[in-house]
Amino acid sequence: MEAQRIFAIETSCDETSVALLDVQWDRRLVLPASVRLVKHAVSSQIAIHAKYGGVVPEVAARSHVPEAVSLITKALGKHPLDAFDAIAVTKGPGLATALRVGIQSAQTLAWLSGLGRKSDKPVIGVNHLEGHLASAWLLPENRRRWKFPILALLVSGGHTEVVLMRDYCDYEILGTTRDDAAGEAFDKSAKLLGLGYPGGPMISKLGASGDPKAFDLPRPMLHDASLDMSFSGLKTAIRLTADGLRLTAAHTVRPSAISRKLLADLCASIEQAIVDVLIVKTIRAAKKHPVKAIALVGGVSANKRLRDQLSDAVKKDLPGVQMLKAPLKFSTDNAAMIAAAGAWRIHHGDTHDWRGMDAEPELDLG
């Protein structure tokens, strides 16, 4: 039995997070014998960035520094260097200045771990997107059904990708967005409607009581033969629709903004348009590349309409294919998923020279 205790740090955007993950691999099996999340903490900056209507990189980086020190100190306790066997840290993609806070924290721990010893503890620079793929693996129920190949729909604020996972650490991007990511489309749509930041949860909340068929919004590239997606045209249609509704409201006897009922209908229609594209592309990809499971991961994977409707589509169109959803608590950025991806990489034989490690803000998954 091969045991690993991995300490992970995540600072790619506006969440500071640390985790301690205990993994035991049975060398005879593909799946681990045991995975236990010993410690996990996340500090969000949403309240800080909400007043700006989006994340400000330098503000994010400055906010990470005290939070990283505090979370690391609390997580590792009185004997920090005895608490872990290896360090996993997000190296990209993300905001360069924010990523460097986590990387420099990991480098400091690695340097300290080597003092008075023959060697320092290994460091794994983790791709944030691979972390999202690993987030679904953290759920015991999913690990029991974890059989490759797996098709992952990775949907977040900055990325929307359909990924074929042939094995741990072996991926092929089958389709991606040519412009806005799905999460970005939600946030920009919410901003156009004056709903604030972050936009996705606000649109979902309002849309829960709306009619998703009320507005005939476009589904860009829905019938395109490729597995790529596009959401910028949808954003333009939403702006024109919202402007038309405001103009109508301004000419009523009692001038007002868009009525709550129309706003709920519009939010439901926006959400459904985005979900339709994601589901059609995912099912199409699974039919072109037969897989044993579909994994739904990333921040947008918390969307209830997407979770429910993709599960229904898989059950209907892909009999025998398992549905693996990231746990809601691990869908947004967190260090537990970085620790899980770090475990994959260590098991794969990967480590990195922490002395030369730097942020890779444009890092790709392929």
Foldseek 3Di string as FASTA:
>chain_A
DDKFWEWEWEQQFFKTKIWIKIWAADVVDQFTPDIDTPDIDIDGCQVVCQVVLDGDLVVSLVVNQVVNVVNLDVVQDPNNLVRGQEYFYAQDAHRFSRSFSRLVVRLVSQVVQPVPHPHGHFYHHDHQQLLQVLLLVNDPVVSVQDDPQEWEAAAEQAWTFTWTRRGQLDIDTQETEPDGTLQVLQSLLCVLLVNTPPRNVSLLVLLVPAALPPDDFDQPCQVPPGLYGYCPSSSVVSNVVLVVQQVVQCPDPDRDHRDSHVSNHSSSNSVVSSLSSSLSSNLSVCVVPPIQEYEYAAQCLLRPVNVVVSVVCCVPRPPRHYYGYRPNVSRYDTGVSSRSSVVSQVVVVDTDDSVPRRHDNPDDSD
